[in-house]
Amino acid sequence: MAEWIRWNGNAATITLHIQPGARKTEVVGLHGDALKIRLAAPPVDGKANAALLEFVADRLQLAKSAVSLIGGQTSRRKIVGLAAAPADTEQRFLP
């Protein structure tokens, strides 16, 4: 089991390390105990956070309302909550 994902029934939290302002949005791999994601959005006015939540929802084929930012609003280290995470969440994020 990956360190960056924690399950609570069918809900989960994922720990992410974000690199905003990248050329394209993509999963890079592991960064310590977090999954590293490069975001094309700039880190201004919450644009990177909104882009991150949209990317996670799209990657997991979840409604945007099922994905929320729990911690790290102004940090590169983010905790994202998934209301109903698919069982193969870990595999869907592998680069």
C-alpha atoms as a PDB file:
ATOM      1  CA  MET A   1       0.000   0.000   0.000  1.00  0.00           C
ATOM      2  CA  ALA A   2       1.301   3.430  -0.944  1.00  0.00           C
ATOM      3  CA  GLU A   3       2.197   5.851   1.853  1.00  0.00           C
ATOM      4  CA  TRP A   4       0.512   8.754   0.053  1.00  0.00           C
ATOM      5  CA  ILE A   5      -2.987   7.279   0.249  1.00  0.00           C
ATOM      6  CA  ARG A   6      -4.973   6.564   3.417  1.00  0.00           C
ATOM      7  CA  TRP A   7      -8.284   4.722   3.294  1.00  0.00           C
ATOM      8  CA  ASN A   8     -11.316   5.194   5.533  1.00  0.00           C
ATOM      9  CA  GLY A   9     -13.925   2.784   4.192  1.00  0.00           C
ATOM     10  CA  ASN A  10     -14.407   3.754   0.552  1.00  0.00           C
ATOM     11  CA  ALA A  11     -13.300   7.350   1.246  1.00  0.00           C
ATOM     12  CA  ALA A  12      -9.642   8.278   1.183  1.00  0.00           C
ATOM     13  CA  THR A  13      -7.163  11.081   1.680  1.00  0.00           C
ATOM     14  CA  ILE A  14      -4.146  11.515  -0.559  1.00  0.00           C
ATOM     15  CA  THR A  15      -0.967  13.430   0.247  1.00  0.00           C
ATOM     16  CA  LEU A  16       0.447  15.368  -2.685  1.00  0.00           C
ATOM     17  CA  HIS A  17       3.530  17.472  -3.363  1.00  0.00           C
ATOM     18  CA  ILE A  18       2.649  20.110  -5.954  1.00  0.00           C
ATOM     19  CA  GLN A  19       4.919  21.936  -8.396  1.00  0.00           C
ATOM     20  CA  PRO A  20       2.825  24.789  -9.844  1.00  0.00           C
ATOM     21  CA  GLY A  21       3.706  26.710 -12.998  1.00  0.00           C
ATOM     22  CA  ALA A  22       4.925  23.640 -14.909  1.00  0.00           C
ATOM     23  CA  ARG A  23       4.743  23.285 -18.683  1.00  0.00           C
ATOM     24  CA  LYS A  24       1.987  20.670 -18.410  1.00  0.00           C
ATOM     25  CA  THR A  25      -0.066  18.984 -15.711  1.00  0.00           C
ATOM     26  CA  GLU A  26       1.172  15.475 -14.965  1.00  0.00           C
ATOM     27  CA  VAL A  27       1.950  12.946 -12.254  1.00  0.00           C
ATOM     28  CA  VAL A  28       5.714  12.747 -11.778  1.00  0.00           C
ATOM     29  CA  GLY A  29       6.151  10.026  -9.162  1.00  0.00           C
ATOM     30  CA  LEU A  30       6.908   9.912  -5.457  1.00  0.00           C
ATOM     31  CA  HIS A  31       8.332  12.746  -3.353  1.00  0.00           C
ATOM     32  CA  GLY A  32       9.017  11.241   0.068  1.00  0.00           C
ATOM     33  CA  ASP A  33       5.680  10.061   1.435  1.00  0.00           C
ATOM     34  CA  ALA A  34       3.702  12.129  -1.084  1.00  0.00           C
ATOM     35  CA  LEU A  35       2.775  11.778  -4.743  1.00  0.00           C
ATOM     36  CA  LYS A  36       4.341  14.572  -6.814  1.00  0.00           C
ATOM     37  CA  ILE A  37       2.196  16.356  -9.377  1.00  0.00           C
ATOM     38  CA  ARG A  38       3.288  19.130 -11.722  1.00  0.00           C
ATOM     39  CA  LEU A  39       0.542  21.662 -12.433  1.00  0.00           C
ATOM     40  CA  ALA A  40       0.395  23.978 -15.420  1.00  0.00           C
ATOM     41  CA  ALA A  41      -1.632  26.503 -13.394  1.00  0.00           C
ATOM     42  CA  PRO A  42       0.178  29.376 -11.657  1.00  0.00           C
ATOM     43  CA  PRO A  43       0.128  29.564  -7.834  1.00  0.00           C
ATOM     44  CA  VAL A  44      -1.943  32.777  -7.720  1.00  0.00           C
ATOM     45  CA  ASP A  45      -5.502  33.475  -6.554  1.00  0.00           C
ATOM     46  CA  GLY A  46      -6.185  29.788  -5.864  1.00  0.00           C
ATOM     47  CA  LYS A  47      -5.776  28.825  -9.531  1.00  0.00           C
ATOM     48  CA  ALA A  48      -3.330  26.001  -8.746  1.00  0.00           C
ATOM     49  CA  ASN A  49      -5.615  24.555  -6.057  1.00  0.00           C
ATOM     50  CA  ALA A  50      -8.626  24.643  -8.396  1.00  0.00           C
ATOM     51  CA  ALA A  51      -6.592  23.036 -11.195  1.00  0.00           C
ATOM     52  CA  LEU A  52      -5.345  20.354  -8.813  1.00  0.00           C
ATOM     53  CA  LEU A  53      -8.845  19.390  -7.678  1.00  0.00           C
ATOM     54  CA  GLU A  54     -10.043  19.283 -11.282  1.00  0.00           C
ATOM     55  CA  PHE A  55      -7.052  17.121 -12.298  1.00  0.00           C
ATOM     56  CA  VAL A  56      -7.640  14.665  -9.435  1.00  0.00           C
ATOM     57  CA  ALA A  57     -11.381  14.436 -10.184  1.00  0.00           C
ATOM     58  CA  ASP A  58     -10.707  13.833 -13.886  1.00  0.00           C
ATOM     59  CA  ARG A  59      -7.974  11.267 -13.202  1.00  0.00           C
ATOM     60  CA  LEU A  60     -10.246   9.294 -10.873  1.00  0.00           C
ATOM     61  CA  GLN A  61     -13.421   9.908 -12.906  1.00  0.00           C
ATOM     62  CA  LEU A  62     -15.128  11.467  -9.881  1.00  0.00           C
ATOM     63  CA  ALA A  63     -17.503  14.393  -9.650  1.00  0.00           C
ATOM     64  CA  LYS A  64     -15.696  17.589  -8.667  1.00  0.00           C
ATOM     65  CA  SER A  65     -17.889  17.701  -5.558  1.00  0.00           C
ATOM     66  CA  ALA A  66     -16.335  14.384  -4.400  1.00  0.00           C
ATOM     67  CA  VAL A  67     -12.837  15.939  -4.241  1.00  0.00           C
ATOM     68  CA  SER A  68     -11.867  18.540  -1.644  1.00  0.00           C
ATOM     69  CA  LEU A  69      -8.748  20.269  -0.376  1.00  0.00           C
ATOM     70  CA  ILE A  70      -8.437  19.372   3.302  1.00  0.00           C
ATOM     71  CA  GLY A  71      -5.052  20.881   4.076  1.00  0.00           C
ATOM     72  CA  GLY A  72      -2.207  22.857   2.564  1.00  0.00           C
ATOM     73  CA  GLN A  73      -4.109  25.685   0.899  1.00  0.00           C
ATOM     74  CA  THR A  74      -0.935  27.825   0.647  1.00  0.00           C
ATOM     75  CA  SER A  75       1.653  25.044   0.760  1.00  0.00           C
ATOM     76  CA  ARG A  76       3.174  22.766  -1.862  1.00  0.00           C
ATOM     77  CA  ARG A  77       2.171  19.834   0.341  1.00  0.00           C
ATOM     78  CA  LYS A  78      -1.562  19.211  -0.026  1.00  0.00           C
ATOM     79  CA  ILE A  79      -3.996  16.812   1.594  1.00  0.00           C
ATOM     80  CA  VAL A  80      -6.912  16.028  -0.723  1.00  0.00           C
ATOM     81  CA  GLY A  81     -10.058  14.248   0.444  1.00  0.00           C
ATOM     82  CA  LEU A  82     -11.905  11.813  -1.808  1.00  0.00           C
ATOM     83  CA  ALA A  83     -15.517  11.169  -0.805  1.00  0.00           C
ATOM     84  CA  ALA A  84     -15.821   7.914  -2.763  1.00  0.00           C
ATOM     85  CA  ALA A  85     -12.447   6.816  -4.071  1.00  0.00           C
ATOM     86  CA  PRO A  86     -12.302   3.994  -6.630  1.00  0.00           C
ATOM     87  CA  ALA A  87     -10.584   0.825  -5.421  1.00  0.00           C
ATOM     88  CA  ASP A  88      -7.867   1.289  -8.061  1.00  0.00           C
ATOM     89  CA  THR A  89      -7.032   4.872  -7.035  1.00  0.00           C
ATOM     90  CA  GLU A  90      -3.341   4.077  -6.588  1.00  0.00           C
ATOM     91  CA  GLN A  91      -3.032   2.544 -10.080  1.00  0.00           C
ATOM     92  CA  ARG A  92      -4.816   5.494 -11.718  1.00  0.00           C
ATOM     93  CA  PHE A  93      -2.110   7.848 -10.471  1.00  0.00           C
ATOM     94  CA  LEU A  94       0.897   5.795 -11.513  1.00  0.00           C
ATOM     95  CA  PRO A  95       2.891   7.643 -14.217  1.00  0.00           C
END
